[in-house]
Amino acid sequence: MARVRDVEIHEVPEDVRPVYERFAREYGPFLNQVKVFAHRPPALKHIMGLLLAFADEALLSKRYLEIALVVVSKLNACEYCVIHHAPRLVEQGVGAEAVEHILDDVVPGFDEVDHLVRDYAVKVTNDFHRIRDKTFEDLRRHFTEEQIVELTLRIALCGFFNRFNDTLQIGVEDGAVEDMLSHGVTKESLPSHSEAAE
């Protein structure tokens, strides 16, 4: 149970209810997170509404997005996000072994662009003040400027969600762990807090 009470859909303003419902059901099984965000309807409406709008546009490949989200969540040791995003990454054709070893120098089954996205997610998360121009030269060979901006935003926003989820101790929804396991991702793939401290 989270450190704050759950807010049910009938408690939020009517104009926020479609975002509440859609994010919890269509975007992913994030009902527990939505119930906490609902304490602040403007945050629910605009932050989760932004993610829904990005999903509708699909400007950025879901494969690259999920690589970035799993990398950031592993770096920040956010089990909630790894449990939810690892199966989505497998659905994009990334093997469960790659999910487990996504922070290794060479990830099984990753191509040059997959590694570039992984490395960029690491830099934005851990070394954002020292990213060299060469990184952006490499990114521009594969992504438009709009995609680079969205990728950067999603990496940074994932770090926010990691901290938000863990600080407020948002519980994993029923069935999410089973979904992860059914995609071949083992519990050994989950981050430990000691890894994040290294």
N, C-alpha and C. Protein backbone atom coordinates (compact mmCIF):
# COMPACT_ATOMS: atom_id res chain seq x y z
N MET A 1 0.84 -1.19 0.00
CA MET A 1 0.00 0.00 0.00
C MET A 1 0.88 1.25 0.00
N ALA A 2 0.46 2.24 -0.75
CA ALA A 2 1.24 3.47 -0.86
C ALA A 2 1.20 4.26 0.44
N ARG A 3 2.07 5.24 0.54
CA ARG A 3 2.14 6.08 1.74
C ARG A 3 1.02 7.10 1.81
N VAL A 4 0.25 7.22 0.75
CA VAL A 4 -0.95 8.07 0.74
C VAL A 4 -2.10 7.18 0.29
N ARG A 5 -3.31 7.60 0.57
CA ARG A 5 -4.47 6.76 0.24
C ARG A 5 -4.73 6.76 -1.26
N ASP A 6 -5.42 5.75 -1.73
CA ASP A 6 -5.84 5.69 -3.11
C ASP A 6 -6.98 6.67 -3.36
N VAL A 7 -6.94 7.35 -4.48
CA VAL A 7 -8.03 8.23 -4.89
C VAL A 7 -8.76 7.53 -6.04
N GLU A 8 -10.04 7.30 -5.85
CA GLU A 8 -10.84 6.60 -6.86
C GLU A 8 -11.28 7.57 -7.95
N ILE A 9 -11.68 7.01 -9.07
CA ILE A 9 -12.01 7.82 -10.24
C ILE A 9 -13.16 8.79 -9.98
N HIS A 10 -14.12 8.41 -9.16
CA HIS A 10 -15.26 9.30 -8.90
C HIS A 10 -14.88 10.52 -8.07
N GLU A 11 -13.68 10.50 -7.49
CA GLU A 11 -13.22 11.61 -6.66
C GLU A 11 -12.50 12.69 -7.45
N VAL A 12 -12.17 12.44 -8.69
CA VAL A 12 -11.44 13.43 -9.48
C VAL A 12 -12.42 14.21 -10.35
N PRO A 13 -12.04 15.43 -10.76
CA PRO A 13 -12.93 16.22 -11.62
C PRO A 13 -13.27 15.46 -12.90
N GLU A 14 -14.45 15.74 -13.42
CA GLU A 14 -14.92 15.01 -14.60
C GLU A 14 -13.97 15.10 -15.79
N ASP A 15 -13.32 16.27 -15.96
CA ASP A 15 -12.45 16.42 -17.14
C ASP A 15 -11.17 15.60 -17.02
N VAL A 16 -10.87 15.10 -15.82
CA VAL A 16 -9.66 14.30 -15.59
C VAL A 16 -9.95 12.80 -15.69
N ARG A 17 -11.20 12.44 -15.54
CA ARG A 17 -11.55 11.02 -15.51
C ARG A 17 -11.15 10.24 -16.76
N PRO A 18 -11.27 10.82 -17.97
CA PRO A 18 -10.84 10.06 -19.14
C PRO A 18 -9.34 9.72 -19.12
N VAL A 19 -8.52 10.63 -18.62
CA VAL A 19 -7.08 10.35 -18.51
C VAL A 19 -6.84 9.28 -17.47
N TYR A 20 -7.50 9.40 -16.33
CA TYR A 20 -7.40 8.40 -15.26
C TYR A 20 -7.70 7.02 -15.81
N GLU A 21 -8.84 6.88 -16.46
CA GLU A 21 -9.27 5.58 -16.97
C GLU A 21 -8.36 5.06 -18.09
N ARG A 22 -8.06 5.92 -19.03
CA ARG A 22 -7.28 5.49 -20.20
C ARG A 22 -5.85 5.12 -19.81
N PHE A 23 -5.23 5.92 -18.95
CA PHE A 23 -3.85 5.63 -18.57
C PHE A 23 -3.77 4.32 -17.79
N ALA A 24 -4.73 4.11 -16.90
CA ALA A 24 -4.72 2.91 -16.06
C ALA A 24 -4.98 1.64 -16.86
N ARG A 25 -5.72 1.76 -17.96
CA ARG A 25 -6.11 0.56 -18.71
C ARG A 25 -5.37 0.40 -20.04
N GLU A 26 -5.25 1.46 -20.83
CA GLU A 26 -4.67 1.35 -22.16
C GLU A 26 -3.15 1.50 -22.15
N TYR A 27 -2.64 2.45 -21.39
CA TYR A 27 -1.22 2.72 -21.42
C TYR A 27 -0.44 1.57 -20.79
N GLY A 28 -1.05 0.96 -19.82
CA GLY A 28 -0.44 -0.16 -19.11
C GLY A 28 -1.18 -0.37 -17.81
N PRO A 29 -0.85 -1.42 -17.11
CA PRO A 29 -1.55 -1.69 -15.84
C PRO A 29 -1.01 -0.81 -14.71
N PHE A 30 -1.30 0.49 -14.80
CA PHE A 30 -0.74 1.45 -13.86
C PHE A 30 -1.79 2.02 -12.89
N LEU A 31 -2.80 1.24 -12.57
CA LEU A 31 -3.89 1.76 -11.75
C LEU A 31 -3.41 2.26 -10.39
N ASN A 32 -2.51 1.55 -9.74
CA ASN A 32 -2.03 1.99 -8.43
C ASN A 32 -1.33 3.34 -8.51
N GLN A 33 -0.57 3.54 -9.57
CA GLN A 33 0.12 4.81 -9.77
C GLN A 33 -0.88 5.94 -10.04
N VAL A 34 -1.87 5.65 -10.86
CA VAL A 34 -2.89 6.65 -11.18
C VAL A 34 -3.64 7.07 -9.91
N LYS A 35 -3.94 6.12 -9.06
CA LYS A 35 -4.68 6.41 -7.82
C LYS A 35 -3.90 7.34 -6.90
N VAL A 36 -2.58 7.31 -6.98
CA VAL A 36 -1.75 8.23 -6.19
C VAL A 36 -1.65 9.59 -6.89
N PHE A 37 -1.40 9.57 -8.19
CA PHE A 37 -1.34 10.83 -8.95
C PHE A 37 -2.64 11.62 -8.81
N ALA A 38 -3.74 10.92 -8.65
CA ALA A 38 -5.05 11.57 -8.61
C ALA A 38 -5.22 12.52 -7.43
N HIS A 39 -4.33 12.46 -6.46
CA HIS A 39 -4.36 13.47 -5.40
C HIS A 39 -4.18 14.87 -5.98
N ARG A 40 -3.46 14.95 -7.09
CA ARG A 40 -3.24 16.23 -7.77
C ARG A 40 -3.75 16.10 -9.21
N PRO A 41 -5.05 16.36 -9.40
CA PRO A 41 -5.64 16.19 -10.73
C PRO A 41 -4.90 16.91 -11.86
N PRO A 42 -4.35 18.13 -11.65
CA PRO A 42 -3.61 18.74 -12.76
C PRO A 42 -2.39 17.91 -13.19
N ALA A 43 -1.72 17.29 -12.23
CA ALA A 43 -0.57 16.44 -12.57
C ALA A 43 -1.03 15.22 -13.35
N LEU A 44 -2.09 14.60 -12.89
CA LEU A 44 -2.64 13.44 -13.59
C LEU A 44 -3.04 13.82 -15.01
N LYS A 45 -3.75 14.92 -15.14
CA LYS A 45 -4.25 15.35 -16.44
C LYS A 45 -3.11 15.68 -17.41
N HIS A 46 -2.12 16.40 -16.94
CA HIS A 46 -1.10 16.90 -17.86
C HIS A 46 0.10 15.96 -18.03
N ILE A 47 0.58 15.35 -16.96
CA ILE A 47 1.74 14.46 -17.11
C ILE A 47 1.32 13.17 -17.80
N MET A 48 0.27 12.55 -17.29
CA MET A 48 -0.17 11.29 -17.91
C MET A 48 -0.87 11.56 -19.24
N GLY A 49 -1.50 12.71 -19.35
CA GLY A 49 -2.07 13.10 -20.64
C GLY A 49 -0.99 13.28 -21.69
N LEU A 50 0.16 13.82 -21.29
CA LEU A 50 1.30 13.97 -22.20
C LEU A 50 1.78 12.61 -22.70
N LEU A 51 1.89 11.65 -21.79
CA LEU A 51 2.35 10.32 -22.18
C LEU A 51 1.36 9.65 -23.13
N LEU A 52 0.07 9.85 -22.89
CA LEU A 52 -0.94 9.31 -23.79
C LEU A 52 -0.84 9.95 -25.17
N ALA A 53 -0.61 11.26 -25.21
CA ALA A 53 -0.47 11.96 -26.49
C ALA A 53 0.75 11.46 -27.25
N PHE A 54 1.87 11.24 -26.54
CA PHE A 54 3.06 10.69 -27.18
C PHE A 54 2.77 9.29 -27.74
N ALA A 55 2.07 8.48 -26.97
CA ALA A 55 1.74 7.13 -27.44
C ALA A 55 0.87 7.19 -28.69
N ASP A 56 -0.08 8.12 -28.72
CA ASP A 56 -0.95 8.27 -29.89
C ASP A 56 -0.14 8.66 -31.13
N GLU A 57 0.83 9.56 -30.95
CA GLU A 57 1.64 10.02 -32.08
C GLU A 57 2.64 8.97 -32.55
N ALA A 58 3.17 8.21 -31.60
CA ALA A 58 4.17 7.16 -31.90
C ALA A 58 5.32 7.69 -32.74
N LEU A 59 5.82 8.87 -32.40
CA LEU A 59 6.95 9.46 -33.11
C LEU A 59 8.23 8.66 -32.88
N LEU A 60 8.36 8.14 -31.69
CA LEU A 60 9.55 7.40 -31.28
C LEU A 60 9.22 5.91 -31.25
N SER A 61 10.08 5.11 -31.83
CA SER A 61 9.88 3.66 -31.83
C SER A 61 9.71 3.14 -30.41
N LYS A 62 8.70 2.28 -30.23
CA LYS A 62 8.44 1.72 -28.91
C LYS A 62 9.63 0.89 -28.42
N ARG A 63 10.34 0.27 -29.34
CA ARG A 63 11.52 -0.51 -28.95
C ARG A 63 12.54 0.39 -28.26
N TYR A 64 12.85 1.52 -28.88
CA TYR A 64 13.85 2.41 -28.29
C TYR A 64 13.34 3.05 -27.01
N LEU A 65 12.07 3.38 -26.99
CA LEU A 65 11.49 3.94 -25.77
C LEU A 65 11.61 2.95 -24.61
N GLU A 66 11.23 1.70 -24.85
CA GLU A 66 11.26 0.71 -23.77
C GLU A 66 12.68 0.38 -23.35
N ILE A 67 13.63 0.39 -24.29
CA ILE A 67 15.04 0.21 -23.89
C ILE A 67 15.41 1.31 -22.90
N ALA A 68 15.10 2.54 -23.25
CA ALA A 68 15.45 3.67 -22.37
C ALA A 68 14.78 3.55 -21.01
N LEU A 69 13.51 3.20 -20.99
CA LEU A 69 12.77 3.14 -19.72
C LEU A 69 13.29 2.03 -18.81
N VAL A 70 13.61 0.88 -19.39
CA VAL A 70 14.14 -0.21 -18.58
C VAL A 70 15.53 0.14 -18.05
N VAL A 71 16.36 0.75 -18.89
CA VAL A 71 17.70 1.14 -18.47
C VAL A 71 17.63 2.12 -17.29
N VAL A 72 16.86 3.18 -17.44
CA VAL A 72 16.75 4.18 -16.38
C VAL A 72 16.21 3.55 -15.10
N SER A 73 15.20 2.72 -15.23
CA SER A 73 14.58 2.11 -14.06
C SER A 73 15.52 1.14 -13.36
N LYS A 74 16.35 0.45 -14.14
CA LYS A 74 17.35 -0.42 -13.51
C LYS A 74 18.42 0.41 -12.81
N LEU A 75 18.87 1.48 -13.46
CA LEU A 75 19.87 2.35 -12.83
C LEU A 75 19.36 2.93 -11.51
N ASN A 76 18.08 3.27 -11.48
CA ASN A 76 17.49 3.88 -10.28
C ASN A 76 16.87 2.84 -9.34
N ALA A 77 17.04 1.56 -9.67
CA ALA A 77 16.53 0.45 -8.85
C ALA A 77 15.04 0.58 -8.56
N CYS A 78 14.27 0.94 -9.58
CA CYS A 78 12.81 1.04 -9.42
C CYS A 78 12.17 -0.25 -9.91
N GLU A 79 11.88 -1.14 -8.98
CA GLU A 79 11.27 -2.42 -9.33
C GLU A 79 9.92 -2.22 -10.01
N TYR A 80 9.14 -1.26 -9.54
CA TYR A 80 7.81 -1.03 -10.11
C TYR A 80 7.93 -0.82 -11.63
N CYS A 81 8.83 0.04 -12.04
CA CYS A 81 8.94 0.36 -13.46
C CYS A 81 9.56 -0.78 -14.26
N VAL A 82 10.54 -1.49 -13.69
CA VAL A 82 11.13 -2.62 -14.41
C VAL A 82 10.08 -3.71 -14.60
N ILE A 83 9.31 -3.99 -13.57
CA ILE A 83 8.27 -5.02 -13.66
C ILE A 83 7.28 -4.67 -14.76
N HIS A 84 6.93 -3.40 -14.89
CA HIS A 84 5.95 -2.99 -15.90
C HIS A 84 6.53 -2.86 -17.31
N HIS A 85 7.78 -2.42 -17.41
CA HIS A 85 8.33 -2.14 -18.75
C HIS A 85 9.13 -3.29 -19.34
N ALA A 86 9.67 -4.18 -18.54
CA ALA A 86 10.42 -5.31 -19.09
C ALA A 86 9.57 -6.16 -20.04
N PRO A 87 8.32 -6.49 -19.68
CA PRO A 87 7.50 -7.26 -20.64
C PRO A 87 7.23 -6.50 -21.93
N ARG A 88 7.06 -5.18 -21.84
CA ARG A 88 6.84 -4.38 -23.05
C ARG A 88 8.07 -4.39 -23.95
N LEU A 89 9.26 -4.44 -23.32
CA LEU A 89 10.49 -4.51 -24.09
C LEU A 89 10.61 -5.86 -24.80
N VAL A 90 10.26 -6.93 -24.11
CA VAL A 90 10.26 -8.25 -24.73
C VAL A 90 9.29 -8.28 -25.91
N GLU A 91 8.15 -7.62 -25.76
CA GLU A 91 7.17 -7.57 -26.86
C GLU A 91 7.72 -6.84 -28.09
N GLN A 92 8.78 -6.05 -27.90
CA GLN A 92 9.40 -5.34 -29.02
C GLN A 92 10.53 -6.15 -29.66
N GLY A 93 10.61 -7.43 -29.30
CA GLY A 93 11.58 -8.31 -29.93
C GLY A 93 12.91 -8.40 -29.20
N VAL A 94 12.99 -7.85 -28.01
CA VAL A 94 14.21 -7.93 -27.20
C VAL A 94 14.08 -9.15 -26.29
N GLY A 95 15.07 -10.01 -26.32
CA GLY A 95 15.02 -11.21 -25.51
C GLY A 95 15.12 -10.94 -24.02
N ALA A 96 14.59 -11.87 -23.24
CA ALA A 96 14.64 -11.73 -21.78
C ALA A 96 16.08 -11.66 -21.27
N GLU A 97 16.99 -12.36 -21.95
CA GLU A 97 18.41 -12.32 -21.57
C GLU A 97 18.97 -10.91 -21.72
N ALA A 98 18.53 -10.22 -22.79
CA ALA A 98 18.98 -8.84 -23.00
C ALA A 98 18.44 -7.93 -21.90
N VAL A 99 17.21 -8.16 -21.47
CA VAL A 99 16.64 -7.36 -20.39
C VAL A 99 17.50 -7.53 -19.13
N GLU A 100 17.86 -8.77 -18.85
CA GLU A 100 18.66 -9.05 -17.65
C GLU A 100 20.04 -8.39 -17.73
N HIS A 101 20.61 -8.32 -18.94
CA HIS A 101 21.98 -7.83 -19.11
C HIS A 101 22.04 -6.46 -19.78
N ILE A 102 20.98 -5.70 -19.68
CA ILE A 102 20.86 -4.45 -20.43
C ILE A 102 21.90 -3.40 -20.02
N LEU A 103 22.48 -3.53 -18.84
CA LEU A 103 23.50 -2.58 -18.40
C LEU A 103 24.93 -3.08 -18.66
N ASP A 104 25.05 -4.30 -19.22
CA ASP A 104 26.38 -4.82 -19.57
C ASP A 104 26.95 -4.04 -20.75
N ASP A 105 28.26 -4.12 -20.94
CA ASP A 105 28.89 -3.41 -22.05
C ASP A 105 28.29 -3.82 -23.40
N VAL A 106 28.12 -5.11 -23.57
CA VAL A 106 27.51 -5.63 -24.80
C VAL A 106 26.26 -6.41 -24.40
N VAL A 107 25.13 -6.00 -24.97
CA VAL A 107 23.84 -6.63 -24.63
C VAL A 107 23.50 -7.65 -25.71
N PRO A 108 23.19 -8.89 -25.31
CA PRO A 108 22.86 -9.93 -26.30
C PRO A 108 21.68 -9.50 -27.17
N GLY A 109 21.89 -9.57 -28.50
CA GLY A 109 20.81 -9.25 -29.42
C GLY A 109 20.65 -7.77 -29.75
N PHE A 110 21.43 -6.90 -29.12
CA PHE A 110 21.34 -5.47 -29.39
C PHE A 110 22.18 -5.11 -30.62
N ASP A 111 21.63 -4.22 -31.44
CA ASP A 111 22.41 -3.70 -32.56
C ASP A 111 23.01 -2.35 -32.16
N GLU A 112 23.63 -1.70 -33.11
CA GLU A 112 24.32 -0.43 -32.83
C GLU A 112 23.37 0.63 -32.27
N VAL A 113 22.17 0.73 -32.85
CA VAL A 113 21.23 1.77 -32.41
C VAL A 113 20.68 1.44 -31.03
N ASP A 114 20.39 0.16 -30.76
CA ASP A 114 19.94 -0.24 -29.42
C ASP A 114 20.97 0.16 -28.37
N HIS A 115 22.24 -0.12 -28.66
CA HIS A 115 23.31 0.25 -27.72
C HIS A 115 23.42 1.77 -27.59
N LEU A 116 23.25 2.49 -28.68
CA LEU A 116 23.30 3.95 -28.64
C LEU A 116 22.22 4.50 -27.73
N VAL A 117 21.00 3.98 -27.86
CA VAL A 117 19.89 4.42 -27.00
C VAL A 117 20.18 4.06 -25.55
N ARG A 118 20.67 2.84 -25.33
CA ARG A 118 21.00 2.42 -23.96
C ARG A 118 22.05 3.35 -23.35
N ASP A 119 23.11 3.61 -24.12
CA ASP A 119 24.18 4.46 -23.61
C ASP A 119 23.71 5.89 -23.35
N TYR A 120 22.84 6.38 -24.22
CA TYR A 120 22.30 7.73 -24.02
C TYR A 120 21.45 7.79 -22.76
N ALA A 121 20.64 6.76 -22.52
CA ALA A 121 19.82 6.71 -21.30
C ALA A 121 20.70 6.71 -20.05
N VAL A 122 21.82 5.99 -20.11
CA VAL A 122 22.75 5.96 -18.98
C VAL A 122 23.35 7.35 -18.77
N LYS A 123 23.77 8.00 -19.85
CA LYS A 123 24.39 9.33 -19.74
C LYS A 123 23.41 10.37 -19.21
N VAL A 124 22.19 10.37 -19.72
CA VAL A 124 21.20 11.35 -19.26
C VAL A 124 20.87 11.13 -17.79
N THR A 125 20.89 9.88 -17.37
CA THR A 125 20.56 9.56 -15.98
C THR A 125 21.71 9.81 -15.03
N ASN A 126 22.91 9.42 -15.42
CA ASN A 126 24.04 9.44 -14.48
C ASN A 126 25.11 10.49 -14.75
N ASP A 127 25.14 11.04 -15.96
CA ASP A 127 26.27 11.90 -16.32
C ASP A 127 25.83 13.03 -17.24
N PHE A 128 24.63 13.55 -17.00
CA PHE A 128 24.00 14.49 -17.94
C PHE A 128 24.80 15.78 -18.14
N HIS A 129 25.59 16.17 -17.17
CA HIS A 129 26.34 17.42 -17.28
C HIS A 129 27.65 17.27 -18.06
N ARG A 130 27.95 16.02 -18.51
CA ARG A 130 29.20 15.80 -19.24
C ARG A 130 28.98 15.11 -20.57
N ILE A 131 27.79 15.21 -21.13
CA ILE A 131 27.53 14.58 -22.42
C ILE A 131 28.21 15.40 -23.52
N ARG A 132 28.99 14.74 -24.34
CA ARG A 132 29.76 15.41 -25.40
C ARG A 132 28.93 15.55 -26.68
N ASP A 133 29.33 16.49 -27.52
CA ASP A 133 28.64 16.71 -28.80
C ASP A 133 28.63 15.46 -29.67
N LYS A 134 29.66 14.63 -29.55
CA LYS A 134 29.74 13.40 -30.34
C LYS A 134 28.51 12.52 -30.14
N THR A 135 27.98 12.49 -28.92
CA THR A 135 26.78 11.70 -28.65
C THR A 135 25.63 12.16 -29.53
N PHE A 136 25.50 13.47 -29.68
CA PHE A 136 24.40 14.00 -30.49
C PHE A 136 24.65 13.82 -31.99
N GLU A 137 25.91 13.83 -32.37
CA GLU A 137 26.23 13.50 -33.77
C GLU A 137 25.80 12.06 -34.07
N ASP A 138 26.07 11.17 -33.14
CA ASP A 138 25.67 9.77 -33.31
C ASP A 138 24.15 9.63 -33.33
N LEU A 139 23.49 10.33 -32.42
CA LEU A 139 22.02 10.26 -32.37
C LEU A 139 21.40 10.79 -33.66
N ARG A 140 21.94 11.88 -34.19
CA ARG A 140 21.38 12.49 -35.40
C ARG A 140 21.48 11.58 -36.63
N ARG A 141 22.36 10.61 -36.58
CA ARG A 141 22.47 9.67 -37.71
C ARG A 141 21.26 8.73 -37.76
N HIS A 142 20.54 8.63 -36.65
CA HIS A 142 19.43 7.66 -36.58
C HIS A 142 18.10 8.27 -36.18
N PHE A 143 18.13 9.48 -35.60
CA PHE A 143 16.91 10.09 -35.08
C PHE A 143 16.78 11.53 -35.54
N THR A 144 15.55 11.98 -35.70
CA THR A 144 15.29 13.39 -35.98
C THR A 144 15.49 14.18 -34.69
N GLU A 145 15.56 15.50 -34.83
CA GLU A 145 15.68 16.32 -33.63
C GLU A 145 14.45 16.18 -32.73
N GLU A 146 13.28 16.05 -33.35
CA GLU A 146 12.06 15.86 -32.55
C GLU A 146 12.15 14.56 -31.75
N GLN A 147 12.67 13.52 -32.37
CA GLN A 147 12.82 12.24 -31.67
C GLN A 147 13.86 12.33 -30.56
N ILE A 148 14.93 13.06 -30.80
CA ILE A 148 15.96 13.23 -29.75
C ILE A 148 15.38 13.99 -28.56
N VAL A 149 14.59 15.02 -28.84
CA VAL A 149 13.97 15.77 -27.74
C VAL A 149 13.01 14.86 -26.96
N GLU A 150 12.19 14.11 -27.67
CA GLU A 150 11.25 13.23 -26.96
C GLU A 150 11.99 12.15 -26.19
N LEU A 151 13.02 11.56 -26.78
CA LEU A 151 13.79 10.53 -26.08
C LEU A 151 14.40 11.09 -24.81
N THR A 152 14.97 12.28 -24.89
CA THR A 152 15.57 12.92 -23.72
C THR A 152 14.52 13.20 -22.66
N LEU A 153 13.38 13.71 -23.09
CA LEU A 153 12.28 13.99 -22.16
C LEU A 153 11.82 12.71 -21.47
N ARG A 154 11.66 11.64 -22.25
CA ARG A 154 11.16 10.40 -21.67
C ARG A 154 12.17 9.79 -20.70
N ILE A 155 13.46 9.90 -21.00
CA ILE A 155 14.49 9.40 -20.08
C ILE A 155 14.44 10.17 -18.77
N ALA A 156 14.41 11.50 -18.86
CA ALA A 156 14.37 12.33 -17.66
C ALA A 156 13.08 12.12 -16.88
N LEU A 157 11.97 12.00 -17.59
CA LEU A 157 10.68 11.80 -16.93
C LEU A 157 10.62 10.43 -16.25
N CYS A 158 11.26 9.44 -16.85
CA CYS A 158 11.31 8.12 -16.22
C CYS A 158 12.02 8.20 -14.87
N GLY A 159 13.10 8.97 -14.81
CA GLY A 159 13.78 9.16 -13.53
C GLY A 159 12.86 9.78 -12.49
N PHE A 160 12.03 10.72 -12.93
CA PHE A 160 11.03 11.31 -12.03
C PHE A 160 10.07 10.23 -11.54
N PHE A 161 9.54 9.42 -12.46
CA PHE A 161 8.60 8.38 -12.06
C PHE A 161 9.25 7.38 -11.11
N ASN A 162 10.51 7.02 -11.36
CA ASN A 162 11.22 6.11 -10.46
C ASN A 162 11.22 6.65 -9.03
N ARG A 163 11.57 7.92 -8.91
CA ARG A 163 11.65 8.52 -7.58
C ARG A 163 10.27 8.68 -6.95
N PHE A 164 9.31 9.08 -7.75
CA PHE A 164 7.93 9.24 -7.27
C PHE A 164 7.39 7.91 -6.77
N ASN A 165 7.52 6.86 -7.56
CA ASN A 165 7.01 5.54 -7.19
C ASN A 165 7.64 5.02 -5.91
N ASP A 166 8.97 5.10 -5.83
CA ASP A 166 9.65 4.54 -4.67
C ASP A 166 9.46 5.38 -3.42
N THR A 167 9.46 6.70 -3.57
CA THR A 167 9.26 7.55 -2.40
C THR A 167 7.89 7.33 -1.77
N LEU A 168 6.87 7.21 -2.61
CA LEU A 168 5.51 7.03 -2.10
C LEU A 168 5.13 5.55 -1.97
N GLN A 169 6.08 4.67 -2.25
CA GLN A 169 5.92 3.22 -2.12
C GLN A 169 4.66 2.71 -2.81
N ILE A 170 4.55 3.04 -4.08
CA ILE A 170 3.41 2.58 -4.87
C ILE A 170 3.58 1.08 -5.13
N GLY A 171 2.58 0.32 -4.77
CA GLY A 171 2.64 -1.13 -4.91
C GLY A 171 2.41 -1.58 -6.34
N VAL A 172 3.02 -2.70 -6.67
CA VAL A 172 2.85 -3.30 -7.99
C VAL A 172 1.43 -3.87 -8.09
N GLU A 173 0.78 -3.61 -9.21
CA GLU A 173 -0.58 -4.07 -9.41
C GLU A 173 -0.64 -5.60 -9.49
N ASP A 174 -1.78 -6.15 -9.08
CA ASP A 174 -2.00 -7.59 -9.17
C ASP A 174 -1.79 -8.05 -10.61
N GLY A 175 -1.06 -9.11 -10.77
CA GLY A 175 -0.84 -9.70 -12.08
C GLY A 175 0.38 -9.16 -12.83
N ALA A 176 0.97 -8.06 -12.37
CA ALA A 176 2.10 -7.46 -13.11
C ALA A 176 3.35 -8.34 -13.04
N VAL A 177 3.63 -8.91 -11.89
CA VAL A 177 4.81 -9.79 -11.77
C VAL A 177 4.59 -11.03 -12.62
N GLU A 178 3.39 -11.58 -12.57
CA GLU A 178 3.09 -12.76 -13.37
C GLU A 178 3.22 -12.47 -14.88
N ASP A 179 2.81 -11.27 -15.27
CA ASP A 179 2.96 -10.85 -16.67
C ASP A 179 4.44 -10.80 -17.05
N MET A 180 5.25 -10.24 -16.18
CA MET A 180 6.69 -10.17 -16.43
C MET A 180 7.27 -11.58 -16.58
N LEU A 181 6.92 -12.47 -15.66
CA LEU A 181 7.44 -13.83 -15.70
C LEU A 181 6.98 -14.57 -16.95
N SER A 182 5.74 -14.31 -17.37
CA SER A 182 5.21 -14.99 -18.57
C SER A 182 5.94 -14.54 -19.84
N HIS A 183 6.64 -13.41 -19.77
CA HIS A 183 7.44 -12.93 -20.90
C HIS A 183 8.89 -13.42 -20.83
N GLY A 184 9.16 -14.29 -19.85
CA GLY A 184 10.50 -14.87 -19.73
C GLY A 184 11.47 -14.06 -18.91
N VAL A 185 11.01 -12.95 -18.36
CA VAL A 185 11.87 -12.10 -17.53
C VAL A 185 11.80 -12.62 -16.10
N THR A 186 12.93 -12.97 -15.53
CA THR A 186 12.96 -13.55 -14.19
C THR A 186 13.07 -12.48 -13.12
N LYS A 187 12.79 -12.89 -11.90
CA LYS A 187 12.92 -11.95 -10.77
C LYS A 187 14.38 -11.55 -10.56
N GLU A 188 15.31 -12.39 -11.05
CA GLU A 188 16.74 -12.05 -10.95
C GLU A 188 17.08 -10.84 -11.82
N SER A 189 16.20 -10.52 -12.78
CA SER A 189 16.42 -9.35 -13.65
C SER A 189 16.06 -8.05 -12.95
N LEU A 190 15.36 -8.16 -11.83
CA LEU A 190 14.95 -6.94 -11.13
C LEU A 190 16.14 -6.29 -10.45
N PRO A 191 16.15 -4.99 -10.40
CA PRO A 191 17.29 -4.28 -9.79
C PRO A 191 17.26 -4.43 -8.28
N SER A 192 18.44 -4.39 -7.72
CA SER A 192 18.52 -4.34 -6.26
C SER A 192 18.96 -2.94 -5.87
N HIS A 193 18.57 -2.52 -4.70
CA HIS A 193 18.93 -1.18 -4.26
C HIS A 193 20.44 -1.05 -4.05
N SER A 194 21.11 -2.17 -3.80
CA SER A 194 22.57 -2.10 -3.64
C SER A 194 23.24 -1.81 -4.98
N GLU A 195 22.66 -2.31 -6.11
CA GLU A 195 23.21 -2.00 -7.43
C GLU A 195 23.12 -0.53 -7.71
N ALA A 196 22.00 0.08 -7.33
CA ALA A 196 21.81 1.51 -7.60
C ALA A 196 22.79 2.36 -6.81
N ALA A 197 23.23 1.85 -5.65
CA ALA A 197 24.13 2.63 -4.82
C ALA A 197 25.57 2.59 -5.32
N GLU A 198 25.88 1.62 -6.19
CA GLU A 198 27.27 1.48 -6.67
C GLU A 198 27.68 2.61 -7.58
